[in-house]
Amino acid sequence: MTALALATNLVCMAILFIDHGVVGGMGNFGLVLREYAQRIVTLRGNELATAVDVSLEDIHGVVVGDAPCSVRLTEDSHRSSMKIVTEAHDLKIPIIGFGFGALVIAKALGSTIDELNPPEVGWTNMTTSPTSRGDALLTGVPWTLSAPLWSCQSIGIAGPSAKTPGLRSLASTPRQKFAMFACGVSTYGIIAHIEWTAGACDEAIRNAGSEQTTNWREGAALNGATCQRIAKKIFESVTLSLMPVDRVNVGVARDLHH
């Protein structure tokens, strides 16, 4: 479906997936969305040049996907993705981003993007913040969760041109404060790849350097099942509370805080 077709042919509410080209797309998150009868329309990288034609009128959620590890977010790259994020955030349409997609969201909302040298790669402990304890999406999530990361860039503080008061850190890793964050009521980003399927984890093992292979293999064996179970719980909260199928009032934020 082309961007223009997306703008004109939607007849019912749908979730917009901005696909930055990772094999497997939304991974396990996409499976949960389909399990709950969500309608998904995809805007692929080669269509982003005409993203100016995309209307969010019939969109009740935006998912910003990951990109291959060689892709970097710079001042000039992915402006179309950031434009969609900014518009959706202003309209209070729920947004969630994974990996590179989380960087896109943070950059669109005014945060700096810093290089991680060396990258933070492998199964890594994420520690939830006190702020996360009252967040509807993270109810029942343990204080510490081991999850796969492949981060070459990280999110810094909001700059003077920030479009919002700033991000709230929901979880951090040893080297990234905003491994999981929220902004406002309905915008979220997750740097850790909790959306990865078992196949994606196997692919990471194949692509890892020799010094990383043991970490990847042991991490997957020890933590893979738990991570996927917790991730599914988060994804179900997203589809039931953040982007519910019955959310038909465009621009009206769902009350996530009780």
Protein backbone atom coordinates (compact mmCIF):
# COMPACT_ATOMS: atom_id res chain seq x y z
CA MET A 1 0.00 0.00 0.00
CA THR A 2 1.45 3.36 -0.95
CA ALA A 3 1.59 6.33 1.36
CA LEU A 4 -1.01 8.16 -0.71
CA ALA A 5 -3.28 5.12 -0.65
CA LEU A 6 -2.86 4.96 3.09
CA ALA A 7 -4.03 8.54 3.33
CA THR A 8 -7.17 8.05 1.27
CA ASN A 9 -8.31 4.44 1.43
CA LEU A 10 -8.53 3.62 5.12
CA VAL A 11 -12.13 2.92 6.05
CA CYS A 12 -11.68 1.87 9.70
CA MET A 13 -9.30 2.54 12.54
CA ALA A 14 -5.88 0.96 12.21
CA ILE A 15 -2.41 0.93 13.70
CA LEU A 16 0.27 2.47 11.50
CA PHE A 17 3.57 0.56 11.44
CA ILE A 18 6.59 2.58 10.26
CA ASP A 19 8.82 -0.17 8.90
CA HIS A 20 12.51 0.78 8.84
CA GLY A 21 13.53 -2.45 7.17
CA VAL A 22 14.25 -5.06 9.83
CA VAL A 23 13.46 -8.62 8.78
CA GLY A 24 10.54 -9.85 10.86
CA GLY A 25 8.92 -6.44 11.21
CA MET A 26 7.25 -5.98 14.61
CA GLY A 27 8.21 -9.48 15.73
CA ASN A 28 6.26 -10.80 18.70
CA PHE A 29 4.46 -7.49 19.15
CA GLY A 30 2.88 -7.89 15.71
CA LEU A 31 1.70 -11.38 16.66
CA VAL A 32 -0.04 -10.03 19.76
CA LEU A 33 -1.69 -7.21 17.79
CA ARG A 34 -3.09 -9.70 15.29
CA GLU A 35 -4.18 -12.04 18.09
CA TYR A 36 -6.33 -9.19 19.38
CA ALA A 37 -7.77 -8.46 15.92
CA GLN A 38 -5.89 -5.22 15.42
CA ARG A 39 -5.74 -3.87 11.87
CA ILE A 40 -2.22 -2.92 10.81
CA VAL A 41 -1.16 -0.80 7.85
CA THR A 42 2.52 -0.59 6.98
CA LEU A 43 4.52 2.37 5.73
CA ARG A 44 7.83 1.05 4.42
CA GLY A 45 11.13 2.87 4.08
CA ASN A 46 10.77 3.40 0.34
CA GLU A 47 7.43 5.12 0.96
CA LEU A 48 8.66 7.52 3.63
CA ALA A 49 9.68 10.08 1.03
CA THR A 50 5.97 10.70 0.41
CA ALA A 51 5.00 10.46 4.07
CA VAL A 52 3.83 14.06 3.87
CA ASP A 53 0.70 12.60 2.23
CA VAL A 54 -0.10 10.31 5.15
CA SER A 55 -3.20 11.26 7.09
CA LEU A 56 -3.49 10.12 10.70
CA GLU A 57 -7.24 10.66 10.72
CA ASP A 58 -8.02 6.93 10.78
CA ILE A 59 -5.01 5.87 12.86
CA HIS A 60 -5.43 4.97 16.52
CA GLY A 61 -1.82 3.97 17.20
CA VAL A 62 1.65 4.34 15.69
CA VAL A 63 4.43 1.75 15.96
CA VAL A 64 7.93 2.88 14.98
CA GLY A 65 10.04 -0.11 14.00
CA ASP A 66 13.70 -0.95 14.41
CA ALA A 67 16.35 -0.54 11.68
CA PRO A 68 19.37 -2.67 10.72
CA CYS A 69 22.27 -2.17 13.13
CA SER A 70 24.30 -0.30 10.49
CA VAL A 71 21.71 2.53 10.33
CA ARG A 72 22.39 5.72 12.31
CA LEU A 73 19.95 8.47 13.22
CA THR A 74 21.38 11.85 12.24
CA GLU A 75 20.08 15.38 11.84
CA ASP A 76 19.17 14.75 8.20
CA SER A 77 18.00 11.14 8.24
CA HIS A 78 14.47 9.86 8.80
CA ARG A 79 12.88 13.29 8.94
CA SER A 80 9.67 11.82 7.53
CA SER A 81 9.46 9.29 10.38
CA MET A 82 10.07 12.04 12.92
CA LYS A 83 7.42 14.24 11.30
CA ILE A 84 4.82 11.48 11.68
CA VAL A 85 5.85 10.94 15.31
CA THR A 86 5.61 14.66 16.09
CA GLU A 87 2.16 14.94 14.52
CA ALA A 88 0.86 11.82 16.27
CA HIS A 89 2.24 12.97 19.63
CA ASP A 90 0.61 16.39 19.22
CA LEU A 91 -2.70 14.66 18.41
CA LYS A 92 -2.27 12.38 21.46
CA ILE A 93 -2.35 9.30 19.24
CA PRO A 94 -0.56 6.52 21.16
CA ILE A 95 2.98 5.76 19.94
CA ILE A 96 5.47 3.02 20.77
CA GLY A 97 8.92 2.51 19.27
CA PHE A 98 11.40 -0.36 19.45
CA GLY A 99 15.18 -0.10 19.14
CA PHE A 100 15.94 2.44 16.41
CA GLY A 101 12.27 3.41 16.50
CA ALA A 102 12.68 4.56 20.12
CA LEU A 103 15.58 6.78 19.00
CA VAL A 104 13.36 8.28 16.29
CA ILE A 105 10.69 9.12 18.86
CA ALA A 106 13.16 10.69 21.29
CA LYS A 107 14.81 12.73 18.54
CA ALA A 108 11.43 13.91 17.23
CA LEU A 109 10.51 15.12 20.71
CA GLY A 110 13.70 17.11 21.16
CA SER A 111 16.24 14.79 22.81
CA THR A 112 19.82 14.45 21.69
CA ILE A 113 21.13 11.21 20.19
CA ASP A 114 24.63 10.22 21.26
CA GLU A 115 27.03 7.61 19.90
CA LEU A 116 27.75 4.59 22.09
CA ASN A 117 31.41 3.68 21.70
CA PRO A 118 31.71 0.78 22.11
CA PRO A 119 28.10 -0.28 21.47
CA GLU A 120 26.03 -1.87 24.23
CA VAL A 121 25.44 -5.33 22.82
CA GLY A 122 24.19 -8.59 24.27
CA TRP A 123 21.82 -9.73 27.00
CA THR A 124 21.78 -6.90 29.52
CA ASN A 125 19.97 -6.21 32.78
CA MET A 126 17.37 -3.45 32.59
CA THR A 127 16.37 -1.95 35.93
CA THR A 128 13.01 -0.25 36.19
CA SER A 129 12.81 3.20 37.75
CA PRO A 130 10.54 4.36 40.59
CA THR A 131 8.52 6.21 37.91
CA SER A 132 7.65 2.92 36.22
CA ARG A 133 5.93 1.51 39.30
CA GLY A 134 2.76 3.46 38.54
CA ASP A 135 2.79 2.95 34.77
CA ALA A 136 -0.11 0.93 33.38
CA LEU A 137 2.02 -0.84 30.74
CA LEU A 138 4.53 -2.11 33.28
CA THR A 139 2.20 -3.50 35.92
CA GLY A 140 3.65 -6.79 37.12
CA VAL A 141 7.00 -6.30 35.35
CA PRO A 142 9.93 -7.22 37.65
CA TRP A 143 12.32 -4.55 38.86
CA THR A 144 15.13 -6.15 36.84
CA LEU A 145 14.72 -7.86 33.48
CA SER A 146 17.45 -9.31 31.29
CA ALA A 147 16.80 -8.40 27.64
CA PRO A 148 18.74 -8.38 24.35
CA LEU A 149 20.29 -5.08 23.26
CA TRP A 150 22.14 -4.02 20.15
CA SER A 151 22.66 -0.30 20.69
CA CYS A 152 25.12 1.81 18.73
CA GLN A 153 23.43 5.06 19.78
CA SER A 154 21.72 6.21 22.96
CA ILE A 155 19.23 8.86 24.03
CA GLY A 156 20.58 11.93 25.80
CA ILE A 157 18.79 14.73 27.58
CA ALA A 158 16.27 16.96 25.84
CA GLY A 159 17.85 19.96 24.16
CA PRO A 160 16.73 23.62 24.38
CA SER A 161 14.50 23.10 21.33
CA ALA A 162 12.59 20.22 22.97
CA LYS A 163 8.98 20.06 21.86
CA THR A 164 7.95 18.57 25.22
CA PRO A 165 9.08 18.92 28.85
CA GLY A 166 11.17 15.78 28.38
CA LEU A 167 11.22 12.02 28.64
CA ARG A 168 10.58 10.01 31.79
CA SER A 169 12.94 7.10 32.24
CA LEU A 170 11.02 3.89 32.97
CA ALA A 171 14.06 1.58 32.85
CA SER A 172 17.80 1.89 32.43
CA THR A 173 20.79 -0.28 31.58
CA PRO A 174 24.34 0.17 32.88
CA ARG A 175 25.02 2.61 30.01
CA GLN A 176 21.62 3.98 28.97
CA LYS A 177 19.31 5.99 31.20
CA PHE A 178 16.43 5.85 28.70
CA ALA A 179 16.41 2.15 27.84
CA MET A 180 12.65 2.45 28.26
CA PHE A 181 10.89 5.80 28.44
CA ALA A 182 7.56 7.56 28.30
CA CYS A 183 6.60 11.06 27.26
CA GLY A 184 3.18 12.42 28.11
CA VAL A 185 0.41 9.89 28.61
CA SER A 186 0.66 7.77 25.47
CA THR A 187 4.13 7.93 23.89
CA TYR A 188 6.62 5.15 24.71
CA GLY A 189 10.02 3.92 23.54
CA ILE A 190 11.89 0.72 24.31
CA ILE A 191 15.55 0.43 23.32
CA ALA A 192 15.83 -3.21 24.41
CA HIS A 193 14.61 -5.69 21.83
CA ILE A 194 11.81 -7.28 23.80
CA GLU A 195 9.93 -7.65 20.51
CA TRP A 196 12.50 -10.11 19.12
CA THR A 197 11.34 -13.61 18.29
CA ALA A 198 13.49 -16.65 19.05
CA GLY A 199 14.57 -16.51 15.40
CA ALA A 200 15.76 -12.91 15.78
CA CYS A 201 17.81 -13.90 18.83
CA ASP A 202 19.37 -16.75 16.84
CA GLU A 203 20.23 -14.27 14.09
CA ALA A 204 21.91 -12.00 16.64
CA ILE A 205 24.03 -14.93 17.80
CA ARG A 206 25.10 -15.60 14.22
CA ASN A 207 26.02 -11.93 13.69
CA ALA A 208 27.81 -11.48 17.02
CA GLY A 209 31.56 -11.21 17.18
CA SER A 210 33.49 -14.09 18.68
CA GLU A 211 33.90 -12.22 21.98
CA GLN A 212 30.12 -11.74 22.22
CA THR A 213 28.89 -15.19 21.23
CA THR A 214 29.01 -16.66 24.74
CA ASN A 215 27.00 -13.77 26.18
CA TRP A 216 24.34 -14.14 23.48
CA ARG A 217 24.06 -17.92 23.79
CA GLU A 218 24.01 -18.02 27.59
CA GLY A 219 21.65 -15.05 27.78
CA ALA A 220 19.17 -16.60 25.38
CA ALA A 221 19.26 -19.94 27.20
CA LEU A 222 18.88 -18.44 30.69
CA ASN A 223 16.58 -15.50 30.02
CA GLY A 224 14.88 -15.96 26.64
CA ALA A 225 11.67 -17.59 27.87
CA THR A 226 11.23 -15.13 30.76
CA CYS A 227 11.88 -12.11 28.55
CA GLN A 228 9.31 -13.26 26.00
CA ARG A 229 6.74 -13.93 28.72
CA ILE A 230 7.20 -10.46 30.25
CA ALA A 231 7.25 -8.88 26.80
CA LYS A 232 3.93 -10.51 25.91
CA LYS A 233 2.43 -9.09 29.10
CA ILE A 234 3.61 -5.60 28.10
CA PHE A 235 2.32 -6.05 24.53
CA GLU A 236 -1.09 -7.17 25.78
CA SER A 237 -1.25 -4.04 27.95
CA VAL A 238 -0.42 -1.97 24.87
CA THR A 239 -3.20 -3.49 22.78
CA LEU A 240 -5.77 -3.47 25.61
CA SER A 241 -4.99 -0.12 27.29
CA LEU A 242 -2.79 2.02 25.05
CA MET A 243 -4.12 1.14 21.59
CA PRO A 244 -7.39 -0.73 22.18
CA VAL A 245 -9.46 -1.85 19.19
CA ASP A 246 -12.45 0.09 20.52
CA ARG A 247 -10.55 3.39 20.56
CA VAL A 248 -12.60 5.18 17.89
CA ASN A 249 -12.30 8.80 18.94
CA VAL A 250 -9.33 10.20 17.03
CA GLY A 251 -7.16 12.49 19.10
CA VAL A 252 -8.69 11.49 22.44
CA ALA A 253 -6.12 10.11 24.85
CA ARG A 254 -6.98 6.88 26.63
CA ASP A 255 -6.85 7.28 30.41
CA LEU A 256 -3.93 5.05 31.42
CA HIS A 257 -3.56 6.33 34.98
CA HIS A 258 -6.17 5.21 37.47
